[in-house]
C-alpha atoms as a PDB file:
ATOM      1  CA  MET A   1     -23.354 -75.046  28.746  1.00  0.00           C
ATOM      2  CA  LYS A   2     -20.867 -77.964  28.431  1.00  0.00           C
ATOM      3  CA  ARG A   3     -23.552 -80.098  27.030  1.00  0.00           C
ATOM      4  CA  LEU A   4     -24.488 -77.588  24.363  1.00  0.00           C
ATOM      5  CA  PHE A   5     -20.771 -77.176  23.419  1.00  0.00           C
ATOM      6  CA  ALA A   6     -20.303 -80.943  23.250  1.00  0.00           C
ATOM      7  CA  ILE A   7     -23.431 -81.301  21.009  1.00  0.00           C
ATOM      8  CA  ALA A   8     -22.305 -78.410  18.782  1.00  0.00           C
ATOM      9  CA  PHE A   9     -18.797 -79.957  18.490  1.00  0.00           C
ATOM     10  CA  ILE A  10     -20.119 -83.400  17.533  1.00  0.00           C
ATOM     11  CA  VAL A  11     -22.650 -81.969  15.018  1.00  0.00           C
ATOM     12  CA  SER A  12     -19.877 -79.722  13.435  1.00  0.00           C
ATOM     13  CA  TYR A  13     -17.456 -82.683  13.257  1.00  0.00           C
ATOM     14  CA  LEU A  14     -19.892 -85.019  11.671  1.00  0.00           C
ATOM     15  CA  SER A  15     -21.040 -82.428   9.211  1.00  0.00           C
ATOM     16  CA  ILE A  16     -17.465 -81.702   8.006  1.00  0.00           C
ATOM     17  CA  LEU A  17     -16.820 -85.394   7.859  1.00  0.00           C
ATOM     18  CA  THR A  18     -19.912 -85.787   5.668  1.00  0.00           C
ATOM     19  CA  VAL A  19     -18.891 -83.008   3.369  1.00  0.00           C
ATOM     20  CA  GLY A  20     -15.484 -84.704   2.876  1.00  0.00           C
ATOM     21  CA  PHE A  21     -17.000 -88.133   2.391  1.00  0.00           C
ATOM     22  CA  LEU A  22     -19.423 -86.793  -0.275  1.00  0.00           C
ATOM     23  CA  SER A  23     -16.746 -84.790  -2.083  1.00  0.00           C
ATOM     24  CA  HIS A  24     -14.497 -87.863  -2.280  1.00  0.00           C
ATOM     25  CA  THR A  25     -17.337 -90.176  -3.318  1.00  0.00           C
ATOM     26  CA  PHE A  26     -18.569 -87.952  -6.136  1.00  0.00           C
ATOM     27  CA  GLY A  27     -15.210 -86.403  -7.050  1.00  0.00           C
ATOM     28  CA  TYR A  28     -16.567 -82.897  -6.710  1.00  0.00           C
ATOM     29  CA  GLY A  29     -14.515 -80.157  -5.238  1.00  0.00           C
ATOM     30  CA  THR A  30     -11.803 -82.410  -3.791  1.00  0.00           C
ATOM     31  CA  ALA A  31      -9.129 -79.820  -4.664  1.00  0.00           C
ATOM     32  CA  SER A  32     -11.217 -76.558  -4.440  1.00  0.00           C
ATOM     33  CA  HIS A  33      -9.258 -75.388  -1.405  1.00  0.00           C
ATOM     34  CA  PRO A  34      -6.117 -76.502   0.473  1.00  0.00           C
ATOM     35  CA  SER A  35      -8.258 -77.215   3.604  1.00  0.00           C
ATOM     36  CA  MET A  36     -10.026 -79.936   1.611  1.00  0.00           C
ATOM     37  CA  TYR A  37      -6.946 -82.114   2.197  1.00  0.00           C
ATOM     38  CA  TYR A  38      -7.889 -82.474   5.829  1.00  0.00           C
ATOM     39  CA  ILE A  39     -11.343 -83.771   5.218  1.00  0.00           C
ATOM     40  CA  VAL A  40     -11.134 -85.680   1.983  1.00  0.00           C
ATOM     41  CA  TRP A  41     -10.294 -89.412   2.581  1.00  0.00           C
ATOM     42  CA  ASP A  42      -7.007 -89.897   0.643  1.00  0.00           C
ATOM     43  CA  MET A  43      -4.565 -90.683   3.428  1.00  0.00           C
ATOM     44  CA  PHE A  44      -3.897 -94.233   2.286  1.00  0.00           C
ATOM     45  CA  CYS A  45      -4.048 -93.804  -1.534  1.00  0.00           C
ATOM     46  CA  GLY A  46      -0.721 -95.661  -1.960  1.00  0.00           C
ATOM     47  CA  TRP A  47       2.322 -94.984  -4.106  1.00  0.00           C
ATOM     48  CA  ASN A  48       3.058 -95.996  -7.690  1.00  0.00           C
ATOM     49  CA  ALA A  49       6.346 -96.895  -9.272  1.00  0.00           C
ATOM     50  CA  TYR A  50       6.512 -94.017 -11.707  1.00  0.00           C
ATOM     51  CA  ALA A  51       7.481 -90.383 -11.344  1.00  0.00           C
ATOM     52  CA  ASN A  52       5.951 -87.681 -13.543  1.00  0.00           C
ATOM     53  CA  GLN A  53       6.095 -84.172 -14.743  1.00  0.00           C
ATOM     54  CA  PHE A  54       3.985 -81.979 -16.976  1.00  0.00           C
ATOM     55  CA  ARG A  55       4.990 -80.039 -20.108  1.00  0.00           C
ATOM     56  CA  VAL A  56       2.786 -77.434 -21.708  1.00  0.00           C
ATOM     57  CA  VAL A  57       3.152 -76.599 -25.362  1.00  0.00           C
ATOM     58  CA  ALA A  58       1.488 -73.622 -27.176  1.00  0.00           C
ATOM     59  CA  GLU A  59       0.867 -73.754 -30.920  1.00  0.00           C
ATOM     60  CA  GLY A  60       0.998 -70.482 -32.952  1.00  0.00           C
ATOM     61  CA  GLU A  61      -0.914 -69.620 -36.001  1.00  0.00           C
ATOM     62  CA  SER A  62       2.171 -70.215 -38.031  1.00  0.00           C
ATOM     63  CA  GLY A  63       2.448 -73.811 -36.749  1.00  0.00           C
ATOM     64  CA  LYS A  64       5.395 -72.940 -34.520  1.00  0.00           C
ATOM     65  CA  TYR A  65       5.397 -74.464 -30.986  1.00  0.00           C
ATOM     66  CA  TYR A  66       6.386 -72.713 -27.784  1.00  0.00           C
ATOM     67  CA  ASP A  67       7.294 -74.236 -24.452  1.00  0.00           C
ATOM     68  CA  VAL A  68       5.201 -72.482 -21.842  1.00  0.00           C
ATOM     69  CA  SER A  69       6.104 -74.920 -19.033  1.00  0.00           C
ATOM     70  CA  SER A  70       8.602 -72.480 -17.559  1.00  0.00           C
ATOM     71  CA  SER A  71       8.009 -68.854 -16.610  1.00  0.00           C
ATOM     72  CA  PRO A  72       9.937 -65.978 -18.265  1.00  0.00           C
ATOM     73  CA  TRP A  73      10.831 -64.683 -14.835  1.00  0.00           C
ATOM     74  CA  GLY A  74      12.255 -68.028 -13.507  1.00  0.00           C
ATOM     75  CA  ASP A  75      10.788 -71.089 -11.955  1.00  0.00           C
ATOM     76  CA  ILE A  76      10.373 -71.739  -8.284  1.00  0.00           C
ATOM     77  CA  TYR A  77      12.060 -74.835  -6.801  1.00  0.00           C
ATOM     78  CA  PRO A  78      10.719 -75.374  -3.254  1.00  0.00           C
ATOM     79  CA  HIS A  79      12.842 -78.518  -2.675  1.00  0.00           C
ATOM     80  CA  GLY A  80      15.540 -79.928  -4.876  1.00  0.00           C
ATOM     81  CA  LYS A  81      15.302 -79.842  -8.643  1.00  0.00           C
ATOM     82  CA  VAL A  82      11.528 -80.111  -9.134  1.00  0.00           C
ATOM     83  CA  GLU A  83       9.626 -77.080 -10.360  1.00  0.00           C
ATOM     84  CA  ARG A  84       6.656 -75.850  -8.316  1.00  0.00           C
ATOM     85  CA  MET A  85       4.191 -76.702 -11.114  1.00  0.00           C
ATOM     86  CA  ASN A  86       5.137 -80.321 -10.914  1.00  0.00           C
ATOM     87  CA  TYR A  87       4.222 -80.509  -7.268  1.00  0.00           C
ATOM     88  CA  ASP A  88       0.676 -80.419  -8.541  1.00  0.00           C
ATOM     89  CA  THR A  89       0.591 -84.195  -9.198  1.00  0.00           C
ATOM     90  CA  PHE A  90      -2.861 -84.278 -10.848  1.00  0.00           C
ATOM     91  CA  SER A  91      -2.259 -81.003 -12.726  1.00  0.00           C
ATOM     92  CA  PHE A  92      -5.244 -79.240 -11.304  1.00  0.00           C
ATOM     93  CA  ASN A  93      -3.532 -75.782 -11.931  1.00  0.00           C
ATOM     94  CA  ALA A  94      -1.255 -76.423 -14.898  1.00  0.00           C
ATOM     95  CA  LYS A  95      -3.746 -74.761 -17.224  1.00  0.00           C
ATOM     96  CA  LYS A  96      -3.862 -71.534 -15.153  1.00  0.00           C
ATOM     97  CA  VAL A  97      -0.026 -71.512 -14.839  1.00  0.00           C
ATOM     98  CA  ALA A  98       0.408 -71.870 -18.601  1.00  0.00           C
ATOM     99  CA  LEU A  99      -2.118 -69.243 -19.485  1.00  0.00           C
ATOM    100  CA  ASN A 100      -0.471 -66.828 -17.134  1.00  0.00           C
ATOM    101  CA  TYR A 101       2.854 -67.370 -18.731  1.00  0.00           C
ATOM    102  CA  ILE A 102       1.281 -66.809 -22.242  1.00  0.00           C
ATOM    103  CA  ARG A 103      -0.409 -63.491 -21.041  1.00  0.00           C
ATOM    104  CA  HIS A 104       3.040 -62.148 -19.920  1.00  0.00           C
ATOM    105  CA  THR A 105       5.062 -62.955 -23.021  1.00  0.00           C
ATOM    106  CA  ALA A 106       5.250 -61.655 -26.513  1.00  0.00           C
ATOM    107  CA  HIS A 107       4.392 -64.057 -29.281  1.00  0.00           C
ATOM    108  CA  GLU A 108       2.137 -64.632 -32.401  1.00  0.00           C
ATOM    109  CA  PRO A 109      -1.554 -65.467 -31.768  1.00  0.00           C
ATOM    110  CA  ILE A 110      -1.937 -68.914 -30.109  1.00  0.00           C
ATOM    111  CA  THR A 111      -4.441 -71.391 -31.638  1.00  0.00           C
ATOM    112  CA  ARG A 112      -4.238 -73.996 -28.937  1.00  0.00           C
ATOM    113  CA  VAL A 113      -2.344 -75.083 -25.818  1.00  0.00           C
ATOM    114  CA  ILE A 114      -1.535 -78.752 -25.155  1.00  0.00           C
ATOM    115  CA  LEU A 115      -0.816 -80.317 -21.692  1.00  0.00           C
ATOM    116  CA  VAL A 116       1.424 -83.280 -21.941  1.00  0.00           C
ATOM    117  CA  GLU A 117       2.312 -85.966 -19.184  1.00  0.00           C
ATOM    118  CA  GLU A 118       5.708 -87.470 -18.945  1.00  0.00           C
ATOM    119  CA  TYR A 119       6.203 -90.646 -16.859  1.00  0.00           C
ATOM    120  CA  TRP A 120       9.274 -92.602 -16.105  1.00  0.00           C
ATOM    121  CA  ALA A 121      10.172 -95.410 -13.545  1.00  0.00           C
ATOM    122  CA  LYS A 122      11.150 -93.838 -10.236  1.00  0.00           C
ATOM    123  CA  LYS A 123      14.343 -95.872 -10.056  1.00  0.00           C
ATOM    124  CA  TYR A 124      15.868 -93.511 -12.598  1.00  0.00           C
ATOM    125  CA  ASP A 125      15.825 -90.833  -9.944  1.00  0.00           C
ATOM    126  CA  PHE A 126      18.401 -92.627  -7.921  1.00  0.00           C
ATOM    127  CA  PRO A 127      21.626 -90.636  -7.695  1.00  0.00           C
ATOM    128  CA  ASP A 128      24.414 -92.081  -9.896  1.00  0.00           C
ATOM    129  CA  TYR A 129      26.395 -93.527  -6.942  1.00  0.00           C
ATOM    130  CA  LEU A 130      23.292 -95.466  -5.666  1.00  0.00           C
ATOM    131  CA  TRP A 131      22.439 -96.611  -9.147  1.00  0.00           C
ATOM    132  CA  LYS A 132      25.893 -98.181  -9.620  1.00  0.00           C
ATOM    133  CA  ILE A 133      25.505 -99.953  -6.303  1.00  0.00           C
ATOM    134  CA  ARG A 134      22.061-101.329  -7.127  1.00  0.00           C
ATOM    135  CA  TYR A 135      22.116-101.981 -10.917  1.00  0.00           C
ATOM    136  CA  ASP A 136      24.629-103.318 -13.369  1.00  0.00           C
ATOM    137  CA  ASP A 137      22.852-101.752 -16.402  1.00  0.00           C
ATOM    138  CA  PRO A 138      23.676 -98.182 -17.573  1.00  0.00           C
ATOM    139  CA  LYS A 139      21.314 -95.553 -16.313  1.00  0.00           C
ATOM    140  CA  GLU A 140      19.294 -94.595 -19.321  1.00  0.00           C
ATOM    141  CA  ARG A 141      15.996 -93.165 -18.489  1.00  0.00           C
ATOM    142  CA  TYR A 142      13.060 -94.133 -20.682  1.00  0.00           C
ATOM    143  CA  SER A 143       9.971 -91.804 -20.640  1.00  0.00           C
ATOM    144  CA  TYR A 144       6.405 -92.334 -21.636  1.00  0.00           C
ATOM    145  CA  PHE A 145       4.441 -89.319 -23.009  1.00  0.00           C
ATOM    146  CA  ASN A 146       0.729 -88.898 -23.034  1.00  0.00           C
ATOM    147  CA  LYS A 147      -1.395 -85.989 -24.374  1.00  0.00           C
ATOM    148  CA  ARG A 148      -3.868 -84.932 -21.649  1.00  0.00           C
ATOM    149  CA  ILE A 149      -5.695 -81.802 -22.530  1.00  0.00           C
ATOM    150  CA  GLU A 150      -5.991 -79.425 -25.484  1.00  0.00           C
ATOM    151  CA  PHE A 151      -7.457 -75.941 -24.646  1.00  0.00           C
ATOM    152  CA  ASP A 152      -7.632 -72.462 -26.056  1.00  0.00           C
ATOM    153  CA  THR A 153      -6.205 -69.180 -24.580  1.00  0.00           C
ATOM    154  CA  ALA A 154      -9.464 -68.518 -22.880  1.00  0.00           C
ATOM    155  CA  GLY A 155      -9.124 -71.667 -20.809  1.00  0.00           C
ATOM    156  CA  ASN A 156     -11.790 -73.678 -22.627  1.00  0.00           C
ATOM    157  CA  ASN A 157     -11.068 -77.363 -23.089  1.00  0.00           C
ATOM    158  CA  LEU A 158     -11.134 -78.330 -26.787  1.00  0.00           C
ATOM    159  CA  LYS A 159     -10.294 -81.980 -26.103  1.00  0.00           C
ATOM    160  CA  GLU A 160      -9.594 -84.090 -23.011  1.00  0.00           C
ATOM    161  CA  TYR A 161      -8.021 -87.454 -22.972  1.00  0.00           C
ATOM    162  CA  PRO A 162      -7.620 -90.164 -20.178  1.00  0.00           C
ATOM    163  CA  GLY A 163      -4.512 -89.962 -18.060  1.00  0.00           C
ATOM    164  CA  TRP A 164      -1.575 -92.222 -18.637  1.00  0.00           C
ATOM    165  CA  PHE A 165      -2.563 -94.759 -15.972  1.00  0.00           C
ATOM    166  CA  GLN A 166      -6.177 -94.819 -17.209  1.00  0.00           C
ATOM    167  CA  LYS A 167      -4.733 -95.478 -20.639  1.00  0.00           C
ATOM    168  CA  GLN A 168      -2.713 -98.432 -19.457  1.00  0.00           C
ATOM    169  CA  GLY A 169      -5.803 -99.888 -17.795  1.00  0.00           C
ATOM    170  CA  TYR A 170      -7.985 -99.372 -20.971  1.00  0.00           C
ATOM    171  CA  ASP A 171      -5.299-100.923 -23.280  1.00  0.00           C
ATOM    172  CA  SER A 172      -4.835-103.973 -21.012  1.00  0.00           C
ATOM    173  CA  VAL A 173      -8.553-104.696 -21.679  1.00  0.00           C
ATOM    174  CA  TYR A 174      -8.995-103.656 -25.281  1.00  0.00           C
ATOM    175  CA  ASN A 175      -5.759-105.422 -26.461  1.00  0.00           C
ATOM    176  CA  ASN A 176      -7.069-108.713 -24.959  1.00  0.00           C
ATOM    177  CA  PRO A 177      -9.572-110.379 -27.331  1.00  0.00           C
ATOM    178  CA  ARG A 178     -11.090-112.544 -24.572  1.00  0.00           C
ATOM    179  CA  LEU A 179     -11.731-109.607 -22.233  1.00  0.00           C
ATOM    180  CA  LEU A 180     -13.130-107.575 -25.049  1.00  0.00           C
ATOM    181  CA  ALA A 181     -15.513-110.350 -26.115  1.00  0.00           C
ATOM    182  CA  ASP A 182     -16.651-110.669 -22.417  1.00  0.00           C
ATOM    183  CA  MET A 183     -17.201-106.899 -22.245  1.00  0.00           C
ATOM    184  CA  ARG A 184     -19.237-106.867 -25.480  1.00  0.00           C
ATOM    185  CA  ALA A 185     -21.467-109.666 -24.093  1.00  0.00           C
ATOM    186  CA  ASN A 186     -21.936-108.103 -20.650  1.00  0.00           C
ATOM    187  CA  ARG A 187     -21.109-104.419 -21.076  1.00  0.00           C
ATOM    188  CA  PRO A 188     -22.252-101.715 -18.744  1.00  0.00           C
ATOM    189  CA  ALA A 189     -24.246 -98.772 -20.222  1.00  0.00           C
ATOM    190  CA  ASN A 190     -21.308 -96.331 -19.679  1.00  0.00           C
ATOM    191  CA  ILE A 191     -18.922 -98.132 -22.030  1.00  0.00           C
ATOM    192  CA  SER A 192     -21.348 -99.515 -24.647  1.00  0.00           C
ATOM    193  CA  PHE A 193     -20.475 -96.858 -27.195  1.00  0.00           C
ATOM    194  CA  VAL A 194     -16.851 -97.895 -27.068  1.00  0.00           C
ATOM    195  CA  ALA A 195     -17.308-101.653 -26.824  1.00  0.00           C
ATOM    196  CA  SER A 196     -19.593-101.604 -29.864  1.00  0.00           C
ATOM    197  CA  GLU A 197     -16.909-100.036 -31.939  1.00  0.00           C
ATOM    198  CA  GLY A 198     -14.084-102.178 -30.490  1.00  0.00           C
ATOM    199  CA  LYS A 199     -11.929 -99.209 -29.813  1.00  0.00           C
ATOM    200  CA  SER A 200     -10.001 -98.279 -26.790  1.00  0.00           C
ATOM    201  CA  PRO A 201     -11.297 -95.250 -24.991  1.00  0.00           C
ATOM    202  CA  THR A 202      -7.825 -93.802 -25.331  1.00  0.00           C
ATOM    203  CA  GLU A 203      -8.627 -92.998 -28.909  1.00  0.00           C
ATOM    204  CA  ILE A 204     -11.842 -91.067 -28.099  1.00  0.00           C
ATOM    205  CA  PRO A 205     -11.594 -87.650 -26.391  1.00  0.00           C
ATOM    206  CA  ILE A 206     -13.469 -87.517 -23.130  1.00  0.00           C
ATOM    207  CA  PRO A 207     -16.438 -85.056 -23.375  1.00  0.00           C
ATOM    208  CA  ASN A 208     -15.161 -81.984 -21.621  1.00  0.00           C
ATOM    209  CA  GLY A 209     -16.901 -80.390 -18.741  1.00  0.00           C
ATOM    210  CA  ASN A 210     -15.630 -76.731 -18.800  1.00  0.00           C
END
């Protein structure tokens, strides 16, 4: 009986490990359920030097814009001053949250909704007293904004763009004539359409996969 139990445990463990490995490798279903965190290999993904938050803007038929980043009944702040939506670092659920706010508020017909990323250096999150100890310069935060997704009120993606970090990587290549020439001469098939035009992929919407 113990032998069967041991075999069953080993088979189950290896099966779960395989599911996590394949999910991470192909980027499929990595955030489909909270339990995926325990089997997807992302424990040592590292930290970056930028903090971020998301803003969702809805455009009405009249051309007026509405901020749908905050709920009409009040936001949730689990810890400190960061809203619950911004705990979703990769914005997997921002679309659902925004559409829920739109459904529960009175407004003109909405033509599109835009998800915008905002990034800034994490050092600007220092409290004022720590900033004065560490830096002589005034604390003036500078933010970078990047349009991420455009979608309709049914949740269908109209346009999708690379994230801000991807954009920096693309621009570092496409703004360098030598690297661009090398890429044109030895380009992989997946970027040939971009290299042939000489445009950065940040200017071309990613084909959406609704």
